[in-house]
Structure formats: C-alpha cells, structure tokens
C-alpha cells in the first residue's frame, strides 16, 4: 500500500463515522501549492460553503497558497461563511491527512472564528 492509498483508506473510515453522526462536515484538501475547504451537508450531496487559495478574492491577498499563513486565512474565511449561513457545528474531515501543519492551522483558525468541532 502506498502513501496515497493509505490516506484514502483513512479518509473512507472518517467519512463513514461522520455519516453515522449525520452532521455537516468541514472537508479539507491540500496540495503542495494550495489548500481547499468546503462545508458539505449531511447527505454529502450539496456544498454549503467553500474557500480556497485559488478563489479570486483570496488569491490577491495570499502570496503563497501552500503555507501555514494561507491555511489560517482559509480557515478564517470558511468559518465566516459558515456562520453567515447559520452553521455553527460541523465534523472535521481532514481527508486522511495528518492533523499537523497546514491542516491544524486551518482547523484552529476555523475554531477561533466561530465553528465548533
């Protein structure tokens, strides 16, 4: 099993647990140069809010999308969008990535700005 298969296996386990909880989920995906966050409804079929370093409003203010500072900005932005939609509680879906570095920075920033998970 290679690194990608291991990550995908971990993400499947997490998503099954979140499905049992039947709550909205904050999904994080990261690449080497960007980071993405989405809030998805309980059924998994509708994106309620999204933020990424590629969005026009954030790409102008973020110099490098693949660092911790960019992750903090995206965490703040996704939390503000969620609170505007009336979403307070979510389940954190890190897509099998380690809770470390950029993923942790995004989660901490989202918590500081009003999301509970």
C-alpha atoms as a PDB file:
ATOM      1  CA  UNK A   1       0.000   0.000   0.000  1.00  0.00           C
ATOM      2  CA  UNK A   2       1.479   3.328  -0.997  1.00  0.00           C
ATOM      3  CA  UNK A   3       1.094   6.713   0.674  1.00  0.00           C
ATOM      4  CA  UNK A   4      -1.936   7.808  -1.361  1.00  0.00           C
ATOM      5  CA  UNK A   5      -3.834   4.550  -0.832  1.00  0.00           C
ATOM      6  CA  UNK A   6      -3.216   4.782   2.914  1.00  0.00           C
ATOM      7  CA  UNK A   7      -4.552   8.337   3.023  1.00  0.00           C
ATOM      8  CA  UNK A   8      -7.652   7.375   1.032  1.00  0.00           C
ATOM      9  CA  UNK A   9      -8.293   4.414   3.344  1.00  0.00           C
ATOM     10  CA  UNK A  10      -8.103   6.700   6.378  1.00  0.00           C
ATOM     11  CA  UNK A  11     -10.454   9.185   4.722  1.00  0.00           C
ATOM     12  CA  UNK A  12     -13.042   6.475   3.998  1.00  0.00           C
ATOM     13  CA  UNK A  13     -13.046   5.429   7.649  1.00  0.00           C
ATOM     14  CA  UNK A  14     -13.527   9.010   8.775  1.00  0.00           C
ATOM     15  CA  UNK A  15     -16.345   9.680   6.337  1.00  0.00           C
ATOM     16  CA  UNK A  16     -18.216   6.553   7.412  1.00  0.00           C
ATOM     17  CA  UNK A  17     -18.052   7.699  11.036  1.00  0.00           C
ATOM     18  CA  UNK A  18     -19.237  11.192  10.096  1.00  0.00           C
ATOM     19  CA  UNK A  19     -22.090   9.653   8.098  1.00  0.00           C
ATOM     20  CA  UNK A  20     -23.229   7.826  11.261  1.00  0.00           C
ATOM     21  CA  UNK A  21     -23.221  11.127  13.144  1.00  0.00           C
ATOM     22  CA  UNK A  22     -25.316  12.724  10.365  1.00  0.00           C
ATOM     23  CA  UNK A  23     -23.840  16.190  10.715  1.00  0.00           C
ATOM     24  CA  UNK A  24     -22.402  18.751   8.344  1.00  0.00           C
ATOM     25  CA  UNK A  25     -18.726  18.251   7.634  1.00  0.00           C
ATOM     26  CA  UNK A  26     -15.829  20.577   7.054  1.00  0.00           C
ATOM     27  CA  UNK A  27     -13.711  18.902   4.379  1.00  0.00           C
ATOM     28  CA  UNK A  28     -10.093  19.930   3.915  1.00  0.00           C
ATOM     29  CA  UNK A  29      -7.929  19.048   0.943  1.00  0.00           C
ATOM     30  CA  UNK A  30      -4.381  20.200   0.447  1.00  0.00           C
ATOM     31  CA  UNK A  31      -1.973  20.031  -2.427  1.00  0.00           C
ATOM     32  CA  UNK A  32       1.611  21.206  -2.462  1.00  0.00           C
ATOM     33  CA  UNK A  33       0.658  24.660  -3.677  1.00  0.00           C
ATOM     34  CA  UNK A  34      -2.937  25.232  -2.450  1.00  0.00           C
ATOM     35  CA  UNK A  35      -5.442  24.383   0.265  1.00  0.00           C
ATOM     36  CA  UNK A  36      -9.204  23.962  -0.085  1.00  0.00           C
ATOM     37  CA  UNK A  37     -12.056  23.806   2.446  1.00  0.00           C
ATOM     38  CA  UNK A  38     -15.731  23.000   1.921  1.00  0.00           C
ATOM     39  CA  UNK A  39     -18.707  22.576   4.192  1.00  0.00           C
ATOM     40  CA  UNK A  40     -20.918  19.762   2.915  1.00  0.00           C
ATOM     41  CA  UNK A  41     -24.434  18.916   4.128  1.00  0.00           C
ATOM     42  CA  UNK A  42     -25.432  15.722   5.945  1.00  0.00           C
ATOM     43  CA  UNK A  43     -26.292  13.790   2.795  1.00  0.00           C
ATOM     44  CA  UNK A  44     -22.981  14.618   1.140  1.00  0.00           C
ATOM     45  CA  UNK A  45     -24.663  15.924  -1.975  1.00  0.00           C
ATOM     46  CA  UNK A  46     -24.562  19.698  -1.551  1.00  0.00           C
ATOM     47  CA  UNK A  47     -21.710  22.117  -0.875  1.00  0.00           C
ATOM     48  CA  UNK A  48     -22.936  24.812   1.505  1.00  0.00           C
ATOM     49  CA  UNK A  49     -19.796  26.969   1.664  1.00  0.00           C
ATOM     50  CA  UNK A  50     -16.315  26.813   0.206  1.00  0.00           C
ATOM     51  CA  UNK A  51     -12.996  28.626   0.354  1.00  0.00           C
ATOM     52  CA  UNK A  52      -9.662  28.043  -1.304  1.00  0.00           C
ATOM     53  CA  UNK A  53      -6.414  29.779  -2.079  1.00  0.00           C
ATOM     54  CA  UNK A  54      -7.390  29.766  -5.754  1.00  0.00           C
ATOM     55  CA  UNK A  55     -10.506  31.906  -5.269  1.00  0.00           C
ATOM     56  CA  UNK A  56     -10.206  35.364  -6.806  1.00  0.00           C
ATOM     57  CA  UNK A  57     -10.885  37.219  -3.565  1.00  0.00           C
ATOM     58  CA  UNK A  58      -8.186  35.348  -1.633  1.00  0.00           C
ATOM     59  CA  UNK A  59      -5.554  34.762  -4.293  1.00  0.00           C
ATOM     60  CA  UNK A  60      -4.880  38.503  -4.466  1.00  0.00           C
ATOM     61  CA  UNK A  61      -4.140  38.760  -0.747  1.00  0.00           C
ATOM     62  CA  UNK A  62      -2.270  35.454  -0.344  1.00  0.00           C
ATOM     63  CA  UNK A  63       1.180  35.352  -1.854  1.00  0.00           C
ATOM     64  CA  UNK A  64       1.828  31.612  -1.463  1.00  0.00           C
ATOM     65  CA  UNK A  65      -1.099  29.190  -1.163  1.00  0.00           C
ATOM     66  CA  UNK A  66       0.920  26.301   0.205  1.00  0.00           C
ATOM     67  CA  UNK A  67       1.925  27.574   3.625  1.00  0.00           C
ATOM     68  CA  UNK A  68       0.508  27.857   7.139  1.00  0.00           C
ATOM     69  CA  UNK A  69      -0.423  31.522   6.770  1.00  0.00           C
ATOM     70  CA  UNK A  70      -2.618  30.701   3.771  1.00  0.00           C
ATOM     71  CA  UNK A  71      -4.256  27.870   5.727  1.00  0.00           C
ATOM     72  CA  UNK A  72      -5.072  30.258   8.578  1.00  0.00           C
ATOM     73  CA  UNK A  73      -6.661  32.694   6.133  1.00  0.00           C
ATOM     74  CA  UNK A  74      -8.770  29.948   4.544  1.00  0.00           C
ATOM     75  CA  UNK A  75      -9.849  28.696   7.979  1.00  0.00           C
ATOM     76  CA  UNK A  76     -11.000  32.181   8.917  1.00  0.00           C
ATOM     77  CA  UNK A  77     -12.805  32.630   5.607  1.00  0.00           C
ATOM     78  CA  UNK A  78     -14.665  29.293   5.733  1.00  0.00           C
ATOM     79  CA  UNK A  79     -15.731  29.927   9.343  1.00  0.00           C
ATOM     80  CA  UNK A  80     -17.101  33.358   8.462  1.00  0.00           C
ATOM     81  CA  UNK A  81     -19.046  31.934   5.519  1.00  0.00           C
ATOM     82  CA  UNK A  82     -20.436  29.120   7.677  1.00  0.00           C
ATOM     83  CA  UNK A  83     -21.566  31.467  10.431  1.00  0.00           C
ATOM     84  CA  UNK A  84     -23.227  33.665   7.801  1.00  0.00           C
ATOM     85  CA  UNK A  85     -25.243  30.604   6.679  1.00  0.00           C
ATOM     86  CA  UNK A  86     -26.141  29.815  10.294  1.00  0.00           C
ATOM     87  CA  UNK A  87     -23.840  26.813  10.608  1.00  0.00           C
ATOM     88  CA  UNK A  88     -22.153  26.531  13.998  1.00  0.00           C
ATOM     89  CA  UNK A  89     -21.325  22.833  14.448  1.00  0.00           C
ATOM     90  CA  UNK A  90     -19.508  20.665  11.920  1.00  0.00           C
ATOM     91  CA  UNK A  91     -17.486  17.474  11.883  1.00  0.00           C
ATOM     92  CA  UNK A  92     -13.883  17.933  10.785  1.00  0.00           C
ATOM     93  CA  UNK A  93     -12.973  15.751   7.800  1.00  0.00           C
ATOM     94  CA  UNK A  94      -9.257  16.042   7.168  1.00  0.00           C
ATOM     95  CA  UNK A  95      -9.390  13.673   4.159  1.00  0.00           C
ATOM     96  CA  UNK A  96      -6.864  11.296   5.674  1.00  0.00           C
ATOM     97  CA  UNK A  97      -4.171  13.953   6.094  1.00  0.00           C
ATOM     98  CA  UNK A  98      -2.274  14.145   9.377  1.00  0.00           C
ATOM     99  CA  UNK A  99      -3.586  16.693  11.847  1.00  0.00           C
ATOM    100  CA  UNK A 100      -0.387  18.658  11.561  1.00  0.00           C
ATOM    101  CA  UNK A 101       0.922  21.805   9.920  1.00  0.00           C
ATOM    102  CA  UNK A 102      -1.481  23.371   7.421  1.00  0.00           C
ATOM    103  CA  UNK A 103      -4.429  21.158   8.355  1.00  0.00           C
ATOM    104  CA  UNK A 104      -4.035  22.019  12.039  1.00  0.00           C
ATOM    105  CA  UNK A 105      -3.637  25.732  11.265  1.00  0.00           C
ATOM    106  CA  UNK A 106      -6.855  25.725   9.220  1.00  0.00           C
ATOM    107  CA  UNK A 107      -8.757  23.900  11.984  1.00  0.00           C
ATOM    108  CA  UNK A 108      -7.507  26.221  14.731  1.00  0.00           C
ATOM    109  CA  UNK A 109      -8.369  29.294  12.684  1.00  0.00           C
ATOM    110  CA  UNK A 110     -11.864  27.982  11.965  1.00  0.00           C
ATOM    111  CA  UNK A 111     -12.427  27.307  15.682  1.00  0.00           C
ATOM    112  CA  UNK A 112     -11.245  30.798  16.623  1.00  0.00           C
ATOM    113  CA  UNK A 113     -13.736  32.319  14.190  1.00  0.00           C
ATOM    114  CA  UNK A 114     -16.874  30.560  15.398  1.00  0.00           C
ATOM    115  CA  UNK A 115     -17.029  26.935  14.231  1.00  0.00           C
ATOM    116  CA  UNK A 116     -17.396  24.162  16.795  1.00  0.00           C
ATOM    117  CA  UNK A 117     -15.925  20.707  16.163  1.00  0.00           C
END
